[in-house]
Amino acid sequence: MFAVITTNGYQYVVSKGEKITIPAHIGEVGKKVEFNEVLMIKDNGNTIFGQPHVKGAKVEGIVKNHGRLPKIIVFKFKKRKKYRRKTGHRQDFSQIEITGIIKK
């Protein structure tokens, strides 16, 4: 059984026991979270599509940890104009373990 969920503008294919990394701080470490925006559920050959979301379906998980991804360098440059700008960015993330997929 797996489901397709959407959160923070991203879509994820999840199944029970899987760990996903979401680029945002969601909840507190050790707390339960629910994702109500389920786009699709597939279970033993039965496929349920939402329009746009499956009514009554949700995916539950537990927040395992928070952190920051490695730094990426943003470098702007214009040739022959002496223009250079170097900045960096580190994205926050939450790692979530999926504990169940509930459909009604």
PDB file of N, CA and C in Angstrom:
ATOM      1  N   MET A   1       0.847  -1.178   0.000  1.00  0.00           N
ATOM      2  CA  MET A   1       0.000   0.000   0.000  1.00  0.00           C
ATOM      3  C   MET A   1       0.889   1.237   0.000  1.00  0.00           C
ATOM      4  N   PHE A   2       0.560   2.183  -0.879  1.00  0.00           N
ATOM      5  CA  PHE A   2       1.267   3.455  -0.872  1.00  0.00           C
ATOM      6  C   PHE A   2       0.296   4.575  -1.206  1.00  0.00           C
ATOM      7  N   ALA A   3       0.737   5.791  -0.924  1.00  0.00           N
ATOM      8  CA  ALA A   3      -0.096   6.967  -1.162  1.00  0.00           C
ATOM      9  C   ALA A   3       0.784   8.082  -1.717  1.00  0.00           C
ATOM     10  N   VAL A   4       0.137   9.011  -2.392  1.00  0.00           N
ATOM     11  CA  VAL A   4       0.811  10.215  -2.877  1.00  0.00           C
ATOM     12  C   VAL A   4       0.235  11.384  -2.093  1.00  0.00           C
ATOM     13  N   ILE A   5       1.110  12.096  -1.374  1.00  0.00           N
ATOM     14  CA  ILE A   5       0.658  13.231  -0.569  1.00  0.00           C
ATOM     15  C   ILE A   5       1.324  14.500  -1.089  1.00  0.00           C
ATOM     16  N   THR A   6       0.750  15.634  -0.721  1.00  0.00           N
ATOM     17  CA  THR A   6       1.353  16.914  -1.058  1.00  0.00           C
ATOM     18  C   THR A   6       1.465  17.744   0.212  1.00  0.00           C
ATOM     19  N   THR A   7       2.635  18.376   0.375  1.00  0.00           N
ATOM     20  CA  THR A   7       2.866  19.255   1.498  1.00  0.00           C
ATOM     21  C   THR A   7       3.956  20.254   1.130  1.00  0.00           C
ATOM     22  N   ASN A   8       3.753  21.495   1.491  1.00  0.00           N
ATOM     23  CA  ASN A   8       4.707  22.575   1.225  1.00  0.00           C
ATOM     24  C   ASN A   8       5.059  22.707  -0.252  1.00  0.00           C
ATOM     25  N   GLY A   9       4.117  22.412  -1.133  1.00  0.00           N
ATOM     26  CA  GLY A   9       4.352  22.566  -2.556  1.00  0.00           C
ATOM     27  C   GLY A   9       5.066  21.400  -3.220  1.00  0.00           C
ATOM     28  N   TYR A  10       5.343  20.326  -2.493  1.00  0.00           N
ATOM     29  CA  TYR A  10       6.009  19.155  -3.027  1.00  0.00           C
ATOM     30  C   TYR A  10       5.099  17.946  -2.912  1.00  0.00           C
ATOM     31  N   GLN A  11       5.271  16.982  -3.805  1.00  0.00           N
ATOM     32  CA  GLN A  11       4.512  15.741  -3.747  1.00  0.00           C
ATOM     33  C   GLN A  11       5.454  14.602  -3.395  1.00  0.00           C
ATOM     34  N   TYR A  12       4.969  13.683  -2.565  1.00  0.00           N
ATOM     35  CA  TYR A  12       5.769  12.557  -2.101  1.00  0.00           C
ATOM     36  C   TYR A  12       4.978  11.269  -2.253  1.00  0.00           C
ATOM     37  N   VAL A  13       5.662  10.204  -2.696  1.00  0.00           N
ATOM     38  CA  VAL A  13       5.085   8.861  -2.712  1.00  0.00           C
ATOM     39  C   VAL A  13       5.559   8.200  -1.429  1.00  0.00           C
ATOM     40  N   VAL A  14       4.605   7.823  -0.563  1.00  0.00           N
ATOM     41  CA  VAL A  14       4.968   7.290   0.750  1.00  0.00           C
ATOM     42  C   VAL A  14       4.308   5.943   0.985  1.00  0.00           C
ATOM     43  N   SER A  15       4.940   5.148   1.817  1.00  0.00           N
ATOM     44  CA  SER A  15       4.375   3.889   2.285  1.00  0.00           C
ATOM     45  C   SER A  15       4.726   3.743   3.755  1.00  0.00           C
ATOM     46  N   LYS A  16       4.086   2.812   4.427  1.00  0.00           N
ATOM     47  CA  LYS A  16       4.282   2.649   5.864  1.00  0.00           C
ATOM     48  C   LYS A  16       5.721   2.236   6.161  1.00  0.00           C
ATOM     49  N   GLY A  17       6.321   2.873   7.168  1.00  0.00           N
ATOM     50  CA  GLY A  17       7.682   2.575   7.572  1.00  0.00           C
ATOM     51  C   GLY A  17       8.752   3.364   6.842  1.00  0.00           C
ATOM     52  N   GLU A  18       8.372   4.123   5.841  1.00  0.00           N
ATOM     53  CA  GLU A  18       9.320   4.893   5.049  1.00  0.00           C
ATOM     54  C   GLU A  18       9.647   6.219   5.734  1.00  0.00           C
ATOM     55  N   LYS A  19      10.869   6.701   5.543  1.00  0.00           N
ATOM     56  CA  LYS A  19      11.273   8.009   6.073  1.00  0.00           C
ATOM     57  C   LYS A  19      11.392   8.980   4.912  1.00  0.00           C
ATOM     58  N   ILE A  20      10.772  10.155   5.078  1.00  0.00           N
ATOM     59  CA  ILE A  20      10.852  11.183   4.046  1.00  0.00           C
ATOM     60  C   ILE A  20      11.459  12.443   4.651  1.00  0.00           C
ATOM     61  N   THR A  21      12.118  13.227   3.811  1.00  0.00           N
ATOM     62  CA  THR A  21      12.722  14.483   4.231  1.00  0.00           C
ATOM     63  C   THR A  21      11.952  15.620   3.577  1.00  0.00           C
ATOM     64  N   ILE A  22      11.363  16.484   4.406  1.00  0.00           N
ATOM     65  CA  ILE A  22      10.569  17.603   3.927  1.00  0.00           C
ATOM     66  C   ILE A  22      11.344  18.888   4.206  1.00  0.00           C
ATOM     67  N   PRO A  23      11.500  19.769   3.211  1.00  0.00           N
ATOM     68  CA  PRO A  23      12.302  20.980   3.405  1.00  0.00           C
ATOM     69  C   PRO A  23      11.574  22.079   4.176  1.00  0.00           C
ATOM     70  N   ALA A  24      11.219  21.795   5.422  1.00  0.00           N
ATOM     71  CA  ALA A  24      10.584  22.772   6.315  1.00  0.00           C
ATOM     72  C   ALA A  24      10.545  22.158   7.710  1.00  0.00           C
ATOM     73  N   HIS A  25      10.445  22.991   8.737  1.00  0.00           N
ATOM     74  CA  HIS A  25      10.258  22.474  10.091  1.00  0.00           C
ATOM     75  C   HIS A  25       8.777  22.215  10.304  1.00  0.00           C
ATOM     76  N   ILE A  26       8.426  20.953  10.526  1.00  0.00           N
ATOM     77  CA  ILE A  26       7.034  20.562  10.733  1.00  0.00           C
ATOM     78  C   ILE A  26       6.944  19.918  12.106  1.00  0.00           C
ATOM     79  N   GLY A  27       6.180  20.507  13.009  1.00  0.00           N
ATOM     80  CA  GLY A  27       5.983  19.941  14.337  1.00  0.00           C
ATOM     81  C   GLY A  27       7.253  19.913  15.168  1.00  0.00           C
ATOM     82  N   GLU A  28       7.181  19.175  16.282  1.00  0.00           N
ATOM     83  CA  GLU A  28       8.314  19.012  17.181  1.00  0.00           C
ATOM     84  C   GLU A  28       8.794  17.572  17.119  1.00  0.00           C
ATOM     85  N   VAL A  29      10.047  17.363  17.475  1.00  0.00           N
ATOM     86  CA  VAL A  29      10.630  16.028  17.433  1.00  0.00           C
ATOM     87  C   VAL A  29       9.878  15.110  18.386  1.00  0.00           C
ATOM     88  N   GLY A  30       9.466  13.944  17.890  1.00  0.00           N
ATOM     89  CA  GLY A  30       8.738  12.965  18.683  1.00  0.00           C
ATOM     90  C   GLY A  30       7.225  13.115  18.619  1.00  0.00           C
ATOM     91  N   LYS A  31       6.722  14.190  18.043  1.00  0.00           N
ATOM     92  CA  LYS A  31       5.280  14.423  17.962  1.00  0.00           C
ATOM     93  C   LYS A  31       4.708  13.802  16.699  1.00  0.00           C
ATOM     94  N   LYS A  32       3.409  13.510  16.725  1.00  0.00           N
ATOM     95  CA  LYS A  32       2.713  12.973  15.558  1.00  0.00           C
ATOM     96  C   LYS A  32       2.296  14.107  14.634  1.00  0.00           C
ATOM     97  N   VAL A  33       2.322  13.827  13.331  1.00  0.00           N
ATOM     98  CA  VAL A  33       1.843  14.777  12.329  1.00  0.00           C
ATOM     99  C   VAL A  33       0.886  14.039  11.394  1.00  0.00           C
ATOM    100  N   GLU A  34      -0.049  14.782  10.823  1.00  0.00           N
ATOM    101  CA  GLU A  34      -1.001  14.215   9.874  1.00  0.00           C
ATOM    102  C   GLU A  34      -0.949  15.014   8.585  1.00  0.00           C
ATOM    103  N   PHE A  35      -1.025  14.311   7.482  1.00  0.00           N
ATOM    104  CA  PHE A  35      -1.099  14.935   6.169  1.00  0.00           C
ATOM    105  C   PHE A  35      -2.473  14.603   5.593  1.00  0.00           C
ATOM    106  N   ASN A  36      -3.316  15.622   5.459  1.00  0.00           N
ATOM    107  CA  ASN A  36      -4.684  15.414   4.979  1.00  0.00           C
ATOM    108  C   ASN A  36      -4.824  15.575   3.473  1.00  0.00           C
ATOM    109  N   GLU A  37      -3.821  16.115   2.824  1.00  0.00           N
ATOM    110  CA  GLU A  37      -3.879  16.326   1.385  1.00  0.00           C
ATOM    111  C   GLU A  37      -3.324  15.093   0.665  1.00  0.00           C
ATOM    112  N   VAL A  38      -4.153  14.039   0.571  1.00  0.00           N
ATOM    113  CA  VAL A  38      -3.777  12.789  -0.080  1.00  0.00           C
ATOM    114  C   VAL A  38      -4.328  12.821  -1.500  1.00  0.00           C
ATOM    115  N   LEU A  39      -3.455  12.707  -2.487  1.00  0.00           N
ATOM    116  CA  LEU A  39      -3.870  12.780  -3.877  1.00  0.00           C
ATOM    117  C   LEU A  39      -4.282  11.431  -4.443  1.00  0.00           C
ATOM    118  N   MET A  40      -3.645  10.340  -3.965  1.00  0.00           N
ATOM    119  CA  MET A  40      -3.924   9.010  -4.505  1.00  0.00           C
ATOM    120  C   MET A  40      -3.544   7.954  -3.479  1.00  0.00           C
ATOM    121  N   ILE A  41      -4.311   6.851  -3.479  1.00  0.00           N
ATOM    122  CA  ILE A  41      -3.988   5.697  -2.641  1.00  0.00           C
ATOM    123  C   ILE A  41      -4.067   4.451  -3.516  1.00  0.00           C
ATOM    124  N   LYS A  42      -3.052   3.594  -3.419  1.00  0.00           N
ATOM    125  CA  LYS A  42      -3.066   2.319  -4.135  1.00  0.00           C
ATOM    126  C   LYS A  42      -2.903   1.207  -3.114  1.00  0.00           C
ATOM    127  N   ASP A  43      -3.857   0.259  -3.129  1.00  0.00           N
ATOM    128  CA  ASP A  43      -3.857  -0.828  -2.151  1.00  0.00           C
ATOM    129  C   ASP A  43      -4.297  -2.111  -2.834  1.00  0.00           C
ATOM    130  N   ASN A  44      -3.354  -3.040  -3.025  1.00  0.00           N
ATOM    131  CA  ASN A  44      -3.635  -4.360  -3.605  1.00  0.00           C
ATOM    132  C   ASN A  44      -4.428  -4.282  -4.915  1.00  0.00           C
ATOM    133  N   GLY A  45      -4.000  -3.436  -5.816  1.00  0.00           N
ATOM    134  CA  GLY A  45      -4.658  -3.330  -7.112  1.00  0.00           C
ATOM    135  C   GLY A  45      -5.808  -2.341  -7.152  1.00  0.00           C
ATOM    136  N   ASN A  46      -6.305  -1.914  -5.995  1.00  0.00           N
ATOM    137  CA  ASN A  46      -7.360  -0.901  -5.963  1.00  0.00           C
ATOM    138  C   ASN A  46      -6.701   0.469  -5.894  1.00  0.00           C
ATOM    139  N   THR A  47      -7.067   1.325  -6.832  1.00  0.00           N
ATOM    140  CA  THR A  47      -6.498   2.660  -6.882  1.00  0.00           C
ATOM    141  C   THR A  47      -7.603   3.679  -6.682  1.00  0.00           C
ATOM    142  N   ILE A  48      -7.390   4.594  -5.742  1.00  0.00           N
ATOM    143  CA  ILE A  48      -8.355   5.649  -5.455  1.00  0.00           C
ATOM    144  C   ILE A  48      -7.687   6.979  -5.780  1.00  0.00           C
ATOM    145  N   PHE A  49      -8.302   7.721  -6.700  1.00  0.00           N
ATOM    146  CA  PHE A  49      -7.798   9.038  -7.072  1.00  0.00           C
ATOM    147  C   PHE A  49      -8.685  10.098  -6.451  1.00  0.00           C
ATOM    148  N   GLY A  50      -8.085  11.177  -5.993  1.00  0.00           N
ATOM    149  CA  GLY A  50      -8.846  12.287  -5.445  1.00  0.00           C
ATOM    150  C   GLY A  50      -9.101  13.340  -6.501  1.00  0.00           C
ATOM    151  N   GLN A  51     -10.061  14.211  -6.207  1.00  0.00           N
ATOM    152  CA  GLN A  51     -10.383  15.283  -7.142  1.00  0.00           C
ATOM    153  C   GLN A  51     -10.491  16.607  -6.406  1.00  0.00           C
ATOM    154  N   PRO A  52      -9.467  17.255  -5.976  1.00  0.00           N
ATOM    155  CA  PRO A  52      -8.060  16.883  -6.105  1.00  0.00           C
ATOM    156  C   PRO A  52      -7.554  15.998  -4.970  1.00  0.00           C
ATOM    157  N   HIS A  53      -8.294  15.928  -3.835  1.00  0.00           N
ATOM    158  CA  HIS A  53      -7.842  15.123  -2.698  1.00  0.00           C
ATOM    159  C   HIS A  53      -8.835  14.004  -2.425  1.00  0.00           C
ATOM    160  N   VAL A  54      -8.333  12.892  -1.865  1.00  0.00           N
ATOM    161  CA  VAL A  54      -9.193  11.772  -1.475  1.00  0.00           C
ATOM    162  C   VAL A  54      -9.899  12.165  -0.189  1.00  0.00           C
ATOM    163  N   LYS A  55     -11.221  12.118  -0.194  1.00  0.00           N
ATOM    164  CA  LYS A  55     -12.000  12.538   0.980  1.00  0.00           C
ATOM    165  C   LYS A  55     -11.837  11.521   2.109  1.00  0.00           C
ATOM    166  N   GLY A  56     -11.562  12.022   3.312  1.00  0.00           N
ATOM    167  CA  GLY A  56     -11.452  11.177   4.494  1.00  0.00           C
ATOM    168  C   GLY A  56     -10.139  10.444   4.633  1.00  0.00           C
ATOM    169  N   ALA A  57      -9.230  10.596   3.696  1.00  0.00           N
ATOM    170  CA  ALA A  57      -7.945   9.895   3.766  1.00  0.00           C
ATOM    171  C   ALA A  57      -6.903  10.784   4.427  1.00  0.00           C
ATOM    172  N   LYS A  58      -5.989  10.142   5.142  1.00  0.00           N
ATOM    173  CA  LYS A  58      -4.887  10.880   5.743  1.00  0.00           C
ATOM    174  C   LYS A  58      -3.699   9.950   5.936  1.00  0.00           C
ATOM    175  N   VAL A  59      -2.541  10.561   6.041  1.00  0.00           N
ATOM    176  CA  VAL A  59      -1.301   9.832   6.272  1.00  0.00           C
ATOM    177  C   VAL A  59      -0.732  10.339   7.585  1.00  0.00           C
ATOM    178  N   GLU A  60      -0.375   9.407   8.463  1.00  0.00           N
ATOM    179  CA  GLU A  60       0.152   9.768   9.773  1.00  0.00           C
ATOM    180  C   GLU A  60       1.638   9.464   9.833  1.00  0.00           C
ATOM    181  N   GLY A  61       2.344  10.261  10.615  1.00  0.00           N
ATOM    182  CA  GLY A  61       3.773  10.061  10.773  1.00  0.00           C
ATOM    183  C   GLY A  61       4.268  10.639  12.076  1.00  0.00           C
ATOM    184  N   ILE A  62       5.538  10.366  12.369  1.00  0.00           N
ATOM    185  CA  ILE A  62       6.195  10.872  13.570  1.00  0.00           C
ATOM    186  C   ILE A  62       7.439  11.636  13.128  1.00  0.00           C
ATOM    187  N   VAL A  63       7.626  12.827  13.690  1.00  0.00           N
ATOM    188  CA  VAL A  63       8.806  13.639  13.380  1.00  0.00           C
ATOM    189  C   VAL A  63      10.002  13.011  14.096  1.00  0.00           C
ATOM    190  N   LYS A  64      11.000  12.591  13.310  1.00  0.00           N
ATOM    191  CA  LYS A  64      12.186  11.955  13.882  1.00  0.00           C
ATOM    192  C   LYS A  64      13.262  12.975  14.249  1.00  0.00           C
ATOM    193  N   ASN A  65      13.559  13.917  13.364  1.00  0.00           N
ATOM    194  CA  ASN A  65      14.552  14.937  13.697  1.00  0.00           C
ATOM    195  C   ASN A  65      14.427  16.133  12.767  1.00  0.00           C
ATOM    196  N   HIS A  66      15.070  17.213  13.174  1.00  0.00           N
ATOM    197  CA  HIS A  66      15.165  18.428  12.386  1.00  0.00           C
ATOM    198  C   HIS A  66      16.637  18.666  12.084  1.00  0.00           C
ATOM    199  N   GLY A  67      16.888  19.450  11.077  1.00  0.00           N
ATOM    200  CA  GLY A  67      18.275  19.776  10.762  1.00  0.00           C
ATOM    201  C   GLY A  67      18.355  20.773   9.633  1.00  0.00           C
ATOM    202  N   ARG A  68      19.567  20.907   9.103  1.00  0.00           N
ATOM    203  CA  ARG A  68      19.785  21.802   7.977  1.00  0.00           C
ATOM    204  C   ARG A  68      20.579  21.056   6.917  1.00  0.00           C
ATOM    205  N   LEU A  69      20.175  21.240   5.675  1.00  0.00           N
ATOM    206  CA  LEU A  69      20.854  20.606   4.552  1.00  0.00           C
ATOM    207  C   LEU A  69      22.190  21.300   4.300  1.00  0.00           C
ATOM    208  N   PRO A  70      23.084  20.668   3.533  1.00  0.00           N
ATOM    209  CA  PRO A  70      24.366  21.316   3.231  1.00  0.00           C
ATOM    210  C   PRO A  70      24.182  22.635   2.480  1.00  0.00           C
ATOM    211  N   LYS A  71      25.157  23.508   2.642  1.00  0.00           N
ATOM    212  CA  LYS A  71      25.093  24.835   2.022  1.00  0.00           C
ATOM    213  C   LYS A  71      25.235  24.732   0.505  1.00  0.00           C
ATOM    214  N   ILE A  72      24.400  25.512  -0.191  1.00  0.00           N
ATOM    215  CA  ILE A  72      24.562  25.673  -1.629  1.00  0.00           C
ATOM    216  C   ILE A  72      25.018  27.107  -1.869  1.00  0.00           C
ATOM    217  N   ILE A  73      25.873  27.282  -2.857  1.00  0.00           N
ATOM    218  CA  ILE A  73      26.426  28.592  -3.174  1.00  0.00           C
ATOM    219  C   ILE A  73      25.607  29.217  -4.297  1.00  0.00           C
ATOM    220  N   VAL A  74      25.213  30.469  -4.085  1.00  0.00           N
ATOM    221  CA  VAL A  74      24.509  31.240  -5.105  1.00  0.00           C
ATOM    222  C   VAL A  74      25.479  32.323  -5.563  1.00  0.00           C
ATOM    223  N   PHE A  75      25.892  32.256  -6.826  1.00  0.00           N
ATOM    224  CA  PHE A  75      26.894  33.182  -7.346  1.00  0.00           C
ATOM    225  C   PHE A  75      26.331  33.907  -8.553  1.00  0.00           C
ATOM    226  N   LYS A  76      26.242  35.233  -8.470  1.00  0.00           N
ATOM    227  CA  LYS A  76      25.776  36.056  -9.580  1.00  0.00           C
ATOM    228  C   LYS A  76      26.997  36.737 -10.207  1.00  0.00           C
ATOM    229  N   PHE A  77      27.004  36.789 -11.535  1.00  0.00           N
ATOM    230  CA  PHE A  77      28.179  37.293 -12.229  1.00  0.00           C
ATOM    231  C   PHE A  77      27.758  37.910 -13.555  1.00  0.00           C
ATOM    232  N   LYS A  78      28.309  39.076 -13.855  1.00  0.00           N
ATOM    233  CA  LYS A  78      28.094  39.694 -15.166  1.00  0.00           C
ATOM    234  C   LYS A  78      29.462  40.007 -15.756  1.00  0.00           C
ATOM    235  N   LYS A  79      29.709  39.468 -16.923  1.00  0.00           N
ATOM    236  CA  LYS A  79      31.033  39.628 -17.520  1.00  0.00           C
ATOM    237  C   LYS A  79      31.289  41.082 -17.928  1.00  0.00           C
ATOM    238  N   ARG A  80      32.532  41.468 -17.783  1.00  0.00           N
ATOM    239  CA  ARG A  80      33.034  42.805 -18.148  1.00  0.00           C
ATOM    240  C   ARG A  80      32.345  43.949 -17.416  1.00  0.00           C
ATOM    241  N   LYS A  81      31.663  43.696 -16.316  1.00  0.00           N
ATOM    242  CA  LYS A  81      30.980  44.761 -15.570  1.00  0.00           C
ATOM    243  C   LYS A  81      31.458  44.860 -14.124  1.00  0.00           C
ATOM    244  N   LYS A  82      32.422  44.023 -13.719  1.00  0.00           N
ATOM    245  CA  LYS A  82      32.912  43.965 -12.346  1.00  0.00           C
ATOM    246  C   LYS A  82      31.781  43.745 -11.345  1.00  0.00           C
ATOM    247  N   TYR A  83      30.868  42.853 -11.710  1.00  0.00           N
ATOM    248  CA  TYR A  83      29.726  42.553 -10.830  1.00  0.00           C
ATOM    249  C   TYR A  83      29.824  41.104 -10.397  1.00  0.00           C
ATOM    250  N   ARG A  84      30.013  40.890  -9.096  1.00  0.00           N
ATOM    251  CA  ARG A  84      30.051  39.543  -8.528  1.00  0.00           C
ATOM    252  C   ARG A  84      29.364  39.581  -7.174  1.00  0.00           C
ATOM    253  N   ARG A  85      28.471  38.652  -6.938  1.00  0.00           N
ATOM    254  CA  ARG A  85      27.799  38.521  -5.643  1.00  0.00           C
ATOM    255  C   ARG A  85      27.789  37.044  -5.265  1.00  0.00           C
ATOM    256  N   LYS A  86      28.317  36.747  -4.108  1.00  0.00           N
ATOM    257  CA  LYS A  86      28.366  35.364  -3.638  1.00  0.00           C
ATOM    258  C   LYS A  86      27.612  35.271  -2.324  1.00  0.00           C
ATOM    259  N   THR A  87      26.601  34.451  -2.289  1.00  0.00           N
ATOM    260  CA  THR A  87      25.851  34.190  -1.068  1.00  0.00           C
ATOM    261  C   THR A  87      25.643  32.684  -0.942  1.00  0.00           C
ATOM    262  N   GLY A  88      25.260  32.255   0.230  1.00  0.00           N
ATOM    263  CA  GLY A  88      24.987  30.846   0.470  1.00  0.00           C
ATOM    264  C   GLY A  88      23.614  30.667   1.083  1.00  0.00           C
ATOM    265  N   HIS A  89      23.125  29.440   1.027  1.00  0.00           N
ATOM    266  CA  HIS A  89      21.809  29.136   1.597  1.00  0.00           C
ATOM    267  C   HIS A  89      21.819  27.734   2.174  1.00  0.00           C
ATOM    268  N   ARG A  90      21.308  27.598   3.397  1.00  0.00           N
ATOM    269  CA  ARG A  90      21.121  26.281   4.011  1.00  0.00           C
ATOM    270  C   ARG A  90      19.647  26.112   4.312  1.00  0.00           C
ATOM    271  N   GLN A  91      19.046  25.077   3.752  1.00  0.00           N
ATOM    272  CA  GLN A  91      17.615  24.832   3.893  1.00  0.00           C
ATOM    273  C   GLN A  91      17.340  23.996   5.136  1.00  0.00           C
ATOM    274  N   ASP A  92      16.347  24.397   5.921  1.00  0.00           N
ATOM    275  CA  ASP A  92      15.898  23.593   7.055  1.00  0.00           C
ATOM    276  C   ASP A  92      15.148  22.373   6.533  1.00  0.00           C
ATOM    277  N   PHE A  93      15.165  21.279   7.325  1.00  0.00           N
ATOM    278  CA  PHE A  93      14.392  20.105   6.932  1.00  0.00           C
ATOM    279  C   PHE A  93      13.862  19.387   8.158  1.00  0.00           C
ATOM    280  N   SER A  94      12.826  18.581   7.934  1.00  0.00           N
ATOM    281  CA  SER A  94      12.281  17.675   8.942  1.00  0.00           C
ATOM    282  C   SER A  94      12.276  16.280   8.350  1.00  0.00           C
ATOM    283  N   GLN A  95      12.729  15.311   9.125  1.00  0.00           N
ATOM    284  CA  GLN A  95      12.675  13.922   8.691  1.00  0.00           C
ATOM    285  C   GLN A  95      11.490  13.264   9.394  1.00  0.00           C
ATOM    286  N   ILE A  96      10.598  12.667   8.610  1.00  0.00           N
ATOM    287  CA  ILE A  96       9.355  12.110   9.141  1.00  0.00           C
ATOM    288  C   ILE A  96       9.256  10.647   8.762  1.00  0.00           C
ATOM    289  N   GLU A  97       8.931   9.808   9.759  1.00  0.00           N
ATOM    290  CA  GLU A  97       8.699   8.394   9.510  1.00  0.00           C
ATOM    291  C   GLU A  97       7.201   8.168   9.402  1.00  0.00           C
ATOM    292  N   ILE A  98       6.768   7.567   8.311  1.00  0.00           N
ATOM    293  CA  ILE A  98       5.343   7.318   8.061  1.00  0.00           C
ATOM    294  C   ILE A  98       4.905   6.106   8.888  1.00  0.00           C
ATOM    295  N   THR A  99       3.857   6.301   9.701  1.00  0.00           N
ATOM    296  CA  THR A  99       3.379   5.223  10.561  1.00  0.00           C
ATOM    297  C   THR A  99       2.084   4.580  10.067  1.00  0.00           C
ATOM    298  N   GLY A 100       1.345   5.259   9.203  1.00  0.00           N
ATOM    299  CA  GLY A 100       0.118   4.651   8.709  1.00  0.00           C
ATOM    300  C   GLY A 100      -0.552   5.467   7.622  1.00  0.00           C
ATOM    301  N   ILE A 101      -1.305   4.744   6.786  1.00  0.00           N
ATOM    302  CA  ILE A 101      -2.113   5.357   5.729  1.00  0.00           C
ATOM    303  C   ILE A 101      -3.561   4.968   6.014  1.00  0.00           C
ATOM    304  N   ILE A 102      -4.401   5.954   6.218  1.00  0.00           N
ATOM    305  CA  ILE A 102      -5.795   5.710   6.595  1.00  0.00           C
ATOM    306  C   ILE A 102      -6.705   6.167   5.463  1.00  0.00           C
ATOM    307  N   LYS A 103      -7.564   5.263   4.995  1.00  0.00           N
ATOM    308  CA  LYS A 103      -8.541   5.627   3.972  1.00  0.00           C
ATOM    309  C   LYS A 103      -9.918   5.289   4.500  1.00  0.00           C
ATOM    310  N   LYS A 104     -10.902   6.071   4.069  1.00  0.00           N
ATOM    311  CA  LYS A 104     -12.281   5.828   4.523  1.00  0.00           C
ATOM    312  C   LYS A 104     -13.191   5.606   3.356  1.00  0.00           C
TER     313      LYS A 104
END
